[in-house]
Amino acid sequence: MAELLRILPIVFMVWTLVLVVYLSFSEMFRAPRFVRKARAKRAGKRLAAELSASAGPTDLVVYWDRYRHLSKFEIFAAVEQAGFLFVDQELNEHGWALNFTKA
């Protein structure tokens, strides 16, 4: 028991240092905040263009992985603003499909 009490603080300190180093490197090599915002803005414009191009059909399929820089909430808000309602979602050979129908 005394051996465990002597080793436990050292193990805790080593794992804490490993975690700090890992988080530092993951933040350092991540895309900067302004790049992520620009990607989200471009994805929003692509989604708006796709929605305006699909004004005629009654069904719409949006592949979420094509708009990975947008949250699911942002996709749903844009699609509902265009007059579509969410039906269901599915995984198929093209990706994660969000199915909508015209309201």
PDB file of N, CA and C in Angstrom:
ATOM      1  N   MET A   1       0.820  -1.191   0.000  1.00  0.00           N
ATOM      2  CA  MET A   1       0.000   0.000   0.000  1.00  0.00           C
ATOM      3  C   MET A   1       0.869   1.263   0.000  1.00  0.00           C
ATOM      4  N   ALA A   2       1.939   1.252   0.749  1.00  0.00           N
ATOM      5  CA  ALA A   2       2.832   2.400   0.790  1.00  0.00           C
ATOM      6  C   ALA A   2       3.493   2.621  -0.564  1.00  0.00           C
ATOM      7  N   GLU A   3       3.792   1.530  -1.265  1.00  0.00           N
ATOM      8  CA  GLU A   3       4.395   1.619  -2.603  1.00  0.00           C
ATOM      9  C   GLU A   3       3.410   2.282  -3.577  1.00  0.00           C
ATOM     10  N   LEU A   4       2.146   1.896  -3.495  1.00  0.00           N
ATOM     11  CA  LEU A   4       1.115   2.479  -4.357  1.00  0.00           C
ATOM     12  C   LEU A   4       0.952   3.973  -4.083  1.00  0.00           C
ATOM     13  N   LEU A   5       0.940   4.357  -2.847  1.00  0.00           N
ATOM     14  CA  LEU A   5       0.806   5.769  -2.493  1.00  0.00           C
ATOM     15  C   LEU A   5       2.016   6.585  -2.935  1.00  0.00           C
ATOM     16  N   ARG A   6       3.166   5.942  -3.068  1.00  0.00           N
ATOM     17  CA  ARG A   6       4.361   6.637  -3.535  1.00  0.00           C
ATOM     18  C   ARG A   6       4.361   6.781  -5.051  1.00  0.00           C
ATOM     19  N   ILE A   7       3.831   5.793  -5.761  1.00  0.00           N
ATOM     20  CA  ILE A   7       3.853   5.787  -7.230  1.00  0.00           C
ATOM     21  C   ILE A   7       2.671   6.570  -7.819  1.00  0.00           C
ATOM     22  N   LEU A   8       1.529   6.553  -7.173  1.00  0.00           N
ATOM     23  CA  LEU A   8       0.316   7.168  -7.715  1.00  0.00           C
ATOM     24  C   LEU A   8       0.476   8.646  -8.076  1.00  0.00           C
ATOM     25  N   PRO A   9       1.059   9.494  -7.264  1.00  0.00           N
ATOM     26  CA  PRO A   9       1.239  10.900  -7.682  1.00  0.00           C
ATOM     27  C   PRO A   9       2.136  11.054  -8.908  1.00  0.00           C
ATOM     28  N   ILE A  10       3.125  10.214  -9.037  1.00  0.00           N
ATOM     29  CA  ILE A  10       4.012  10.278 -10.206  1.00  0.00           C
ATOM     30  C   ILE A  10       3.246   9.892 -11.465  1.00  0.00           C
ATOM     31  N   VAL A  11       2.468   8.823 -11.384  1.00  0.00           N
ATOM     32  CA  VAL A  11       1.663   8.393 -12.540  1.00  0.00           C
ATOM     33  C   VAL A  11       0.668   9.487 -12.913  1.00  0.00           C
ATOM     34  N   PHE A  12       0.030  10.072 -11.923  1.00  0.00           N
ATOM     35  CA  PHE A  12      -0.932  11.144 -12.185  1.00  0.00           C
ATOM     36  C   PHE A  12      -0.258  12.323 -12.872  1.00  0.00           C
ATOM     37  N   MET A  13       0.927  12.702 -12.427  1.00  0.00           N
ATOM     38  CA  MET A  13       1.643  13.824 -13.014  1.00  0.00           C
ATOM     39  C   MET A  13       2.059  13.525 -14.454  1.00  0.00           C
ATOM     40  N   VAL A  14       2.519  12.320 -14.706  1.00  0.00           N
ATOM     41  CA  VAL A  14       2.938  11.958 -16.060  1.00  0.00           C
ATOM     42  C   VAL A  14       1.749  12.014 -17.013  1.00  0.00           C
ATOM     43  N   TRP A  15       0.599  11.449 -16.619  1.00  0.00           N
ATOM     44  CA  TRP A  15      -0.571  11.478 -17.494  1.00  0.00           C
ATOM     45  C   TRP A  15      -1.090  12.903 -17.691  1.00  0.00           C
ATOM     46  N   THR A  16      -0.967  13.736 -16.690  1.00  0.00           N
ATOM     47  CA  THR A  16      -1.363  15.133 -16.836  1.00  0.00           C
ATOM     48  C   THR A  16      -0.469  15.850 -17.843  1.00  0.00           C
ATOM     49  N   LEU A  17       0.820  15.615 -17.776  1.00  0.00           N
ATOM     50  CA  LEU A  17       1.742  16.224 -18.743  1.00  0.00           C
ATOM     51  C   LEU A  17       1.480  15.719 -20.159  1.00  0.00           C
ATOM     52  N   VAL A  18       1.212  14.440 -20.297  1.00  0.00           N
ATOM     53  CA  VAL A  18       0.899  13.881 -21.618  1.00  0.00           C
ATOM     54  C   VAL A  18      -0.357  14.546 -22.171  1.00  0.00           C
ATOM     55  N   LEU A  19      -1.368  14.714 -21.349  1.00  0.00           N
ATOM     56  CA  LEU A  19      -2.598  15.354 -21.790  1.00  0.00           C
ATOM     57  C   LEU A  19      -2.370  16.806 -22.199  1.00  0.00           C
ATOM     58  N   VAL A  20      -1.605  17.534 -21.440  1.00  0.00           N
ATOM     59  CA  VAL A  20      -1.316  18.938 -21.754  1.00  0.00           C
ATOM     60  C   VAL A  20      -0.553  19.040 -23.073  1.00  0.00           C
ATOM     61  N   VAL A  21       0.418  18.197 -23.289  1.00  0.00           N
ATOM     62  CA  VAL A  21       1.185  18.216 -24.539  1.00  0.00           C
ATOM     63  C   VAL A  21       0.289  17.855 -25.713  1.00  0.00           C
ATOM     64  N   TYR A  22      -0.548  16.838 -25.557  1.00  0.00           N
ATOM     65  CA  TYR A  22      -1.455  16.429 -26.633  1.00  0.00           C
ATOM     66  C   TYR A  22      -2.417  17.571 -26.995  1.00  0.00           C
ATOM     67  N   LEU A  23      -3.031  18.185 -26.005  1.00  0.00           N
ATOM     68  CA  LEU A  23      -3.966  19.280 -26.279  1.00  0.00           C
ATOM     69  C   LEU A  23      -3.265  20.480 -26.905  1.00  0.00           C
ATOM     70  N   SER A  24      -2.044  20.749 -26.494  1.00  0.00           N
ATOM     71  CA  SER A  24      -1.291  21.862 -27.079  1.00  0.00           C
ATOM     72  C   SER A  24      -1.016  21.623 -28.554  1.00  0.00           C
ATOM     73  N   PHE A  25      -0.566  20.423 -28.882  1.00  0.00           N
ATOM     74  CA  PHE A  25      -0.267  20.127 -30.282  1.00  0.00           C
ATOM     75  C   PHE A  25      -1.536  20.063 -31.122  1.00  0.00           C
ATOM     76  N   SER A  26      -2.609  19.527 -30.587  1.00  0.00           N
ATOM     77  CA  SER A  26      -3.838  19.449 -31.376  1.00  0.00           C
ATOM     78  C   SER A  26      -4.398  20.843 -31.654  1.00  0.00           C
ATOM     79  N   GLU A  27      -4.261  21.761 -30.722  1.00  0.00           N
ATOM     80  CA  GLU A  27      -4.716  23.131 -30.953  1.00  0.00           C
ATOM     81  C   GLU A  27      -3.772  23.870 -31.900  1.00  0.00           C
ATOM     82  N   MET A  28      -2.489  23.569 -31.812  1.00  0.00           N
ATOM     83  CA  MET A  28      -1.505  24.255 -32.639  1.00  0.00           C
ATOM     84  C   MET A  28      -1.662  23.887 -34.119  1.00  0.00           C
ATOM     85  N   PHE A  29      -2.019  22.643 -34.414  1.00  0.00           N
ATOM     86  CA  PHE A  29      -2.111  22.197 -35.800  1.00  0.00           C
ATOM     87  C   PHE A  29      -3.532  22.242 -36.353  1.00  0.00           C
ATOM     88  N   ARG A  30      -4.460  22.782 -35.588  1.00  0.00           N
ATOM     89  CA  ARG A  30      -5.836  22.945 -36.053  1.00  0.00           C
ATOM     90  C   ARG A  30      -5.925  24.180 -36.936  1.00  0.00           C
ATOM     91  N   ALA A  31      -6.872  24.179 -37.846  1.00  0.00           N
ATOM     92  CA  ALA A  31      -7.055  25.344 -38.711  1.00  0.00           C
ATOM     93  C   ALA A  31      -7.430  26.553 -37.857  1.00  0.00           C
ATOM     94  N   PRO A  32      -6.912  27.734 -38.185  1.00  0.00           N
ATOM     95  CA  PRO A  32      -7.254  28.939 -37.415  1.00  0.00           C
ATOM     96  C   PRO A  32      -8.753  29.236 -37.462  1.00  0.00           C
ATOM     97  N   ARG A  33      -9.211  29.986 -36.500  1.00  0.00           N
ATOM     98  CA  ARG A  33     -10.631  30.284 -36.364  1.00  0.00           C
ATOM     99  C   ARG A  33     -11.178  30.999 -37.608  1.00  0.00           C
ATOM    100  N   PHE A  34     -10.408  31.925 -38.182  1.00  0.00           N
ATOM    101  CA  PHE A  34     -10.905  32.663 -39.353  1.00  0.00           C
ATOM    102  C   PHE A  34     -11.024  31.746 -40.569  1.00  0.00           C
ATOM    103  N   VAL A  35     -10.190  30.710 -40.650  1.00  0.00           N
ATOM    104  CA  VAL A  35     -10.287  29.747 -41.754  1.00  0.00           C
ATOM    105  C   VAL A  35     -11.552  28.909 -41.592  1.00  0.00           C
ATOM    106  N   ARG A  36     -11.830  28.475 -40.369  1.00  0.00           N
ATOM    107  CA  ARG A  36     -13.045  27.683 -40.128  1.00  0.00           C
ATOM    108  C   ARG A  36     -14.297  28.500 -40.421  1.00  0.00           C
ATOM    109  N   LYS A  37     -14.276  29.801 -40.082  1.00  0.00           N
ATOM    110  CA  LYS A  37     -15.424  30.667 -40.385  1.00  0.00           C
ATOM    111  C   LYS A  37     -15.602  30.834 -41.889  1.00  0.00           C
ATOM    112  N   ALA A  38     -14.495  31.005 -42.605  1.00  0.00           N
ATOM    113  CA  ALA A  38     -14.569  31.157 -44.061  1.00  0.00           C
ATOM    114  C   ALA A  38     -15.108  29.889 -44.710  1.00  0.00           C
ATOM    115  N   ARG A  39     -14.679  28.734 -44.215  1.00  0.00           N
ATOM    116  CA  ARG A  39     -15.180  27.466 -44.764  1.00  0.00           C
ATOM    117  C   ARG A  39     -16.678  27.330 -44.509  1.00  0.00           C
ATOM    118  N   ALA A  40     -17.124  27.711 -43.332  1.00  0.00           N
ATOM    119  CA  ALA A  40     -18.550  27.634 -43.016  1.00  0.00           C
ATOM    120  C   ALA A  40     -19.353  28.591 -43.886  1.00  0.00           C
ATOM    121  N   LYS A  41     -18.797  29.763 -44.151  1.00  0.00           N
ATOM    122  CA  LYS A  41     -19.484  30.741 -45.002  1.00  0.00           C
ATOM    123  C   LYS A  41     -19.621  30.212 -46.430  1.00  0.00           C
ATOM    124  N   ARG A  42     -18.529  29.621 -46.957  1.00  0.00           N
ATOM    125  CA  ARG A  42     -18.587  29.036 -48.304  1.00  0.00           C
ATOM    126  C   ARG A  42     -19.569  27.872 -48.366  1.00  0.00           C
ATOM    127  N   ALA A  43     -19.602  27.051 -47.325  1.00  0.00           N
ATOM    128  CA  ALA A  43     -20.541  25.929 -47.287  1.00  0.00           C
ATOM    129  C   ALA A  43     -21.977  26.438 -47.246  1.00  0.00           C
ATOM    130  N   GLY A  44     -22.227  27.517 -46.511  1.00  0.00           N
ATOM    131  CA  GLY A  44     -23.557  28.117 -46.474  1.00  0.00           C
ATOM    132  C   GLY A  44     -23.992  28.637 -47.832  1.00  0.00           C
ATOM    133  N   LYS A  45     -23.056  29.243 -48.562  1.00  0.00           N
ATOM    134  CA  LYS A  45     -23.374  29.734 -49.911  1.00  0.00           C
ATOM    135  C   LYS A  45     -23.657  28.573 -50.859  1.00  0.00           C
ATOM    136  N   ARG A  46     -22.882  27.487 -50.738  1.00  0.00           N
ATOM    137  CA  ARG A  46     -23.132  26.305 -51.577  1.00  0.00           C
ATOM    138  C   ARG A  46     -24.502  25.705 -51.289  1.00  0.00           C
ATOM    139  N   LEU A  47     -24.867  25.650 -50.011  1.00  0.00           N
ATOM    140  CA  LEU A  47     -26.171  25.108 -49.639  1.00  0.00           C
ATOM    141  C   LEU A  47     -27.284  26.004 -50.167  1.00  0.00           C
ATOM    142  N   ALA A  48     -27.137  27.311 -50.067  1.00  0.00           N
ATOM    143  CA  ALA A  48     -28.151  28.239 -50.582  1.00  0.00           C
ATOM    144  C   ALA A  48     -28.294  28.096 -52.096  1.00  0.00           C
ATOM    145  N   ALA A  49     -27.171  27.906 -52.790  1.00  0.00           N
ATOM    146  CA  ALA A  49     -27.234  27.710 -54.243  1.00  0.00           C
ATOM    147  C   ALA A  49     -27.940  26.402 -54.583  1.00  0.00           C
ATOM    148  N   GLU A  50     -27.664  25.360 -53.815  1.00  0.00           N
ATOM    149  CA  GLU A  50     -28.329  24.076 -54.065  1.00  0.00           C
ATOM    150  C   GLU A  50     -29.824  24.184 -53.797  1.00  0.00           C
ATOM    151  N   LEU A  51     -30.188  24.919 -52.763  1.00  0.00           N
ATOM    152  CA  LEU A  51     -31.609  25.087 -52.444  1.00  0.00           C
ATOM    153  C   LEU A  51     -32.333  25.909 -53.503  1.00  0.00           C
ATOM    154  N   SER A  52     -31.698  26.944 -54.020  1.00  0.00           N
ATOM    155  CA  SER A  52     -32.344  27.749 -55.063  1.00  0.00           C
ATOM    156  C   SER A  52     -32.437  26.985 -56.374  1.00  0.00           C
ATOM    157  N   ALA A  53     -31.491  26.098 -56.629  1.00  0.00           N
ATOM    158  CA  ALA A  53     -31.533  25.295 -57.853  1.00  0.00           C
ATOM    159  C   ALA A  53     -32.602  24.211 -57.773  1.00  0.00           C
ATOM    160  N   SER A  54     -32.965  23.794 -56.572  1.00  0.00           N
ATOM    161  CA  SER A  54     -33.952  22.731 -56.422  1.00  0.00           C
ATOM    162  C   SER A  54     -35.319  23.292 -56.050  1.00  0.00           C
ATOM    163  N   ALA A  55     -35.676  24.427 -56.615  1.00  0.00           N
ATOM    164  CA  ALA A  55     -36.946  25.074 -56.280  1.00  0.00           C
ATOM    165  C   ALA A  55     -38.133  24.275 -56.809  1.00  0.00           C
ATOM    166  N   GLY A  56     -37.953  23.491 -57.871  1.00  0.00           N
ATOM    167  CA  GLY A  56     -39.057  22.769 -58.478  1.00  0.00           C
ATOM    168  C   GLY A  56     -39.460  21.476 -57.794  1.00  0.00           C
ATOM    169  N   PRO A  57     -38.513  20.592 -57.457  1.00  0.00           N
ATOM    170  CA  PRO A  57     -38.919  19.272 -56.972  1.00  0.00           C
ATOM    171  C   PRO A  57     -39.550  19.318 -55.577  1.00  0.00           C
ATOM    172  N   THR A  58     -40.307  18.265 -55.286  1.00  0.00           N
ATOM    173  CA  THR A  58     -40.973  18.202 -53.987  1.00  0.00           C
ATOM    174  C   THR A  58     -40.102  17.525 -52.939  1.00  0.00           C
ATOM    175  N   ASP A  59     -39.099  16.763 -53.358  1.00  0.00           N
ATOM    176  CA  ASP A  59     -38.195  16.097 -52.420  1.00  0.00           C
ATOM    177  C   ASP A  59     -36.785  16.644 -52.586  1.00  0.00           C
ATOM    178  N   LEU A  60     -36.079  16.725 -51.487  1.00  0.00           N
ATOM    179  CA  LEU A  60     -34.714  17.237 -51.488  1.00  0.00           C
ATOM    180  C   LEU A  60     -33.853  16.341 -50.608  1.00  0.00           C
ATOM    181  N   VAL A  61     -32.669  15.996 -51.106  1.00  0.00           N
ATOM    182  CA  VAL A  61     -31.715  15.211 -50.340  1.00  0.00           C
ATOM    183  C   VAL A  61     -30.461  16.059 -50.179  1.00  0.00           C
ATOM    184  N   VAL A  62     -30.067  16.280 -48.926  1.00  0.00           N
ATOM    185  CA  VAL A  62     -28.861  17.041 -48.611  1.00  0.00           C
ATOM    186  C   VAL A  62     -27.888  16.083 -47.941  1.00  0.00           C
ATOM    187  N   TYR A  63     -26.682  15.995 -48.492  1.00  0.00           N
ATOM    188  CA  TYR A  63     -25.662  15.132 -47.904  1.00  0.00           C
ATOM    189  C   TYR A  63     -24.846  15.963 -46.915  1.00  0.00           C
ATOM    190  N   TRP A  64     -24.956  15.567 -45.652  1.00  0.00           N
ATOM    191  CA  TRP A  64     -24.378  16.336 -44.564  1.00  0.00           C
ATOM    192  C   TRP A  64     -22.863  16.438 -44.675  1.00  0.00           C
ATOM    193  N   ASP A  65     -22.193  15.420 -45.164  1.00  0.00           N
ATOM    194  CA  ASP A  65     -20.731  15.460 -45.252  1.00  0.00           C
ATOM    195  C   ASP A  65     -20.244  16.465 -46.286  1.00  0.00           C
ATOM    196  N   ARG A  66     -21.086  16.887 -47.203  1.00  0.00           N
ATOM    197  CA  ARG A  66     -20.696  17.945 -48.153  1.00  0.00           C
ATOM    198  C   ARG A  66     -20.703  19.322 -47.483  1.00  0.00           C
ATOM    199  N   TYR A  67     -21.404  19.410 -46.363  1.00  0.00           N
ATOM    200  CA  TYR A  67     -21.510  20.663 -45.628  1.00  0.00           C
ATOM    201  C   TYR A  67     -21.008  20.454 -44.205  1.00  0.00           C
ATOM    202  N   ARG A  68     -19.885  19.782 -44.049  1.00  0.00           N
ATOM    203  CA  ARG A  68     -19.389  19.399 -42.729  1.00  0.00           C
ATOM    204  C   ARG A  68     -18.976  20.595 -41.878  1.00  0.00           C
ATOM    205  N   HIS A  69     -18.823  21.752 -42.492  1.00  0.00           N
ATOM    206  CA  HIS A  69     -18.455  22.942 -41.725  1.00  0.00           C
ATOM    207  C   HIS A  69     -19.677  23.662 -41.165  1.00  0.00           C
ATOM    208  N   LEU A  70     -20.864  23.172 -41.503  1.00  0.00           N
ATOM    209  CA  LEU A  70     -22.098  23.726 -40.952  1.00  0.00           C
ATOM    210  C   LEU A  70     -22.655  22.748 -39.925  1.00  0.00           C
ATOM    211  N   SER A  71     -23.263  23.278 -38.888  1.00  0.00           N
ATOM    212  CA  SER A  71     -23.904  22.397 -37.910  1.00  0.00           C
ATOM    213  C   SER A  71     -25.220  21.888 -38.483  1.00  0.00           C
ATOM    214  N   LYS A  72     -25.718  20.828 -37.880  1.00  0.00           N
ATOM    215  CA  LYS A  72     -27.001  20.270 -38.330  1.00  0.00           C
ATOM    216  C   LYS A  72     -28.100  21.315 -38.168  1.00  0.00           C
ATOM    217  N   PHE A  73     -28.029  22.100 -37.105  1.00  0.00           N
ATOM    218  CA  PHE A  73     -29.014  23.155 -36.874  1.00  0.00           C
ATOM    219  C   PHE A  73     -28.986  24.186 -37.999  1.00  0.00           C
ATOM    220  N   GLU A  74     -27.796  24.585 -38.447  1.00  0.00           N
ATOM    221  CA  GLU A  74     -27.686  25.574 -39.528  1.00  0.00           C
ATOM    222  C   GLU A  74     -28.239  25.026 -40.837  1.00  0.00           C
ATOM    223  N   ILE A  75     -27.985  23.751 -41.105  1.00  0.00           N
ATOM    224  CA  ILE A  75     -28.525  23.131 -42.325  1.00  0.00           C
ATOM    225  C   ILE A  75     -30.047  23.100 -42.250  1.00  0.00           C
ATOM    226  N   PHE A  76     -30.588  22.651 -41.117  1.00  0.00           N
ATOM    227  CA  PHE A  76     -32.039  22.572 -40.971  1.00  0.00           C
ATOM    228  C   PHE A  76     -32.679  23.953 -41.093  1.00  0.00           C
ATOM    229  N   ALA A  77     -32.058  24.975 -40.521  1.00  0.00           N
ATOM    230  CA  ALA A  77     -32.623  26.330 -40.584  1.00  0.00           C
ATOM    231  C   ALA A  77     -32.672  26.834 -42.027  1.00  0.00           C
ATOM    232  N   ALA A  78     -31.597  26.607 -42.781  1.00  0.00           N
ATOM    233  CA  ALA A  78     -31.568  27.066 -44.179  1.00  0.00           C
ATOM    234  C   ALA A  78     -32.586  26.319 -45.027  1.00  0.00           C
ATOM    235  N   VAL A  79     -32.694  25.022 -44.814  1.00  0.00           N
ATOM    236  CA  VAL A  79     -33.622  24.212 -45.607  1.00  0.00           C
ATOM    237  C   VAL A  79     -35.067  24.542 -45.257  1.00  0.00           C
ATOM    238  N   GLU A  80     -35.359  24.741 -43.981  1.00  0.00           N
ATOM    239  CA  GLU A  80     -36.721  25.105 -43.586  1.00  0.00           C
ATOM    240  C   GLU A  80     -37.085  26.491 -44.084  1.00  0.00           C
ATOM    241  N   GLN A  81     -36.120  27.393 -44.162  1.00  0.00           N
ATOM    242  CA  GLN A  81     -36.380  28.726 -44.690  1.00  0.00           C
ATOM    243  C   GLN A  81     -36.722  28.648 -46.183  1.00  0.00           C
ATOM    244  N   ALA A  82     -36.183  27.638 -46.870  1.00  0.00           N
ATOM    245  CA  ALA A  82     -36.484  27.450 -48.286  1.00  0.00           C
ATOM    246  C   ALA A  82     -37.813  26.737 -48.494  1.00  0.00           C
ATOM    247  N   GLY A  83     -38.479  26.326 -47.402  1.00  0.00           N
ATOM    248  CA  GLY A  83     -39.807  25.735 -47.525  1.00  0.00           C
ATOM    249  C   GLY A  83     -39.830  24.223 -47.507  1.00  0.00           C
ATOM    250  N   PHE A  84     -38.802  23.589 -47.004  1.00  0.00           N
ATOM    251  CA  PHE A  84     -38.760  22.134 -46.921  1.00  0.00           C
ATOM    252  C   PHE A  84     -38.866  21.692 -45.465  1.00  0.00           C
ATOM    253  N   LEU A  85     -39.404  20.497 -45.256  1.00  0.00           N
ATOM    254  CA  LEU A  85     -39.528  19.919 -43.918  1.00  0.00           C
ATOM    255  C   LEU A  85     -38.720  18.627 -43.852  1.00  0.00           C
ATOM    256  N   PHE A  86     -38.109  18.389 -42.712  1.00  0.00           N
ATOM    257  CA  PHE A  86     -37.292  17.197 -42.512  1.00  0.00           C
ATOM    258  C   PHE A  86     -38.185  15.957 -42.454  1.00  0.00           C
ATOM    259  N   VAL A  87     -37.754  14.904 -43.180  1.00  0.00           N
ATOM    260  CA  VAL A  87     -38.494  13.646 -43.190  1.00  0.00           C
ATOM    261  C   VAL A  87     -37.732  12.581 -42.404  1.00  0.00           C
ATOM    262  N   ASP A  88     -36.512  12.265 -42.861  1.00  0.00           N
ATOM    263  CA  ASP A  88     -35.684  11.283 -42.166  1.00  0.00           C
ATOM    264  C   ASP A  88     -34.246  11.420 -42.633  1.00  0.00           C
ATOM    265  N   GLN A  89     -33.400  10.572 -42.085  1.00  0.00           N
ATOM    266  CA  GLN A  89     -31.991  10.553 -42.480  1.00  0.00           C
ATOM    267  C   GLN A  89     -31.569   9.107 -42.670  1.00  0.00           C
ATOM    268  N   GLU A  90     -30.560   8.920 -43.529  1.00  0.00           N
ATOM    269  CA  GLU A  90     -30.085   7.569 -43.796  1.00  0.00           C
ATOM    270  C   GLU A  90     -28.632   7.606 -44.255  1.00  0.00           C
ATOM    271  N   LEU A  91     -27.964   6.517 -44.056  1.00  0.00           N
ATOM    272  CA  LEU A  91     -26.609   6.341 -44.588  1.00  0.00           C
ATOM    273  C   LEU A  91     -26.719   5.514 -45.849  1.00  0.00           C
ATOM    274  N   ASN A  92     -26.147   6.000 -46.938  1.00  0.00           N
ATOM    275  CA  ASN A  92     -26.134   5.239 -48.176  1.00  0.00           C
ATOM    276  C   ASN A  92     -24.748   5.326 -48.807  1.00  0.00           C
ATOM    277  N   GLU A  93     -24.612   4.846 -50.018  1.00  0.00           N
ATOM    278  CA  GLU A  93     -23.292   4.811 -50.649  1.00  0.00           C
ATOM    279  C   GLU A  93     -22.728   6.201 -50.953  1.00  0.00           C
ATOM    280  N   HIS A  94     -23.569   7.226 -50.965  1.00  0.00           N
ATOM    281  CA  HIS A  94     -23.112   8.584 -51.251  1.00  0.00           C
ATOM    282  C   HIS A  94     -22.747   9.363 -49.994  1.00  0.00           C
ATOM    283  N   GLY A  95     -23.203   8.917 -48.835  1.00  0.00           N
ATOM    284  CA  GLY A  95     -22.912   9.613 -47.597  1.00  0.00           C
ATOM    285  C   GLY A  95     -24.106   9.636 -46.663  1.00  0.00           C
ATOM    286  N   TRP A  96     -24.089  10.562 -45.734  1.00  0.00           N
ATOM    287  CA  TRP A  96     -25.161  10.713 -44.751  1.00  0.00           C
ATOM    288  C   TRP A  96     -26.210  11.631 -45.354  1.00  0.00           C
ATOM    289  N   ALA A  97     -27.347  11.049 -45.749  1.00  0.00           N
ATOM    290  CA  ALA A  97     -28.392  11.782 -46.449  1.00  0.00           C
ATOM    291  C   ALA A  97     -29.453  12.286 -45.480  1.00  0.00           C
ATOM    292  N   LEU A  98     -29.747  13.573 -45.583  1.00  0.00           N
ATOM    293  CA  LEU A  98     -30.869  14.171 -44.855  1.00  0.00           C
ATOM    294  C   LEU A  98     -31.970  14.387 -45.881  1.00  0.00           C
ATOM    295  N   ASN A  99     -33.098  13.735 -45.692  1.00  0.00           N
ATOM    296  CA  ASN A  99     -34.205  13.790 -46.642  1.00  0.00           C
ATOM    297  C   ASN A  99     -35.233  14.816 -46.203  1.00  0.00           C
ATOM    298  N   PHE A 100     -35.617  15.660 -47.151  1.00  0.00           N
ATOM    299  CA  PHE A 100     -36.606  16.715 -46.885  1.00  0.00           C
ATOM    300  C   PHE A 100     -37.692  16.631 -47.939  1.00  0.00           C
ATOM    301  N   THR A 101     -38.857  17.140 -47.613  1.00  0.00           N
ATOM    302  CA  THR A 101     -39.959  17.223 -48.567  1.00  0.00           C
ATOM    303  C   THR A 101     -40.500  18.646 -48.558  1.00  0.00           C
ATOM    304  N   LYS A 102     -41.087  19.049 -49.685  1.00  0.00           N
ATOM    305  CA  LYS A 102     -41.619  20.411 -49.804  1.00  0.00           C
ATOM    306  C   LYS A 102     -42.828  20.562 -48.897  1.00  0.00           C
ATOM    307  N   ALA A 103     -42.860  21.657 -48.163  1.00  0.00           N
ATOM    308  CA  ALA A 103     -43.975  21.899 -47.208  1.00  0.00           C
ATOM    309  C   ALA A 103     -45.203  22.375 -47.945  1.00  0.00           C
TER     310      ALA A 103
END
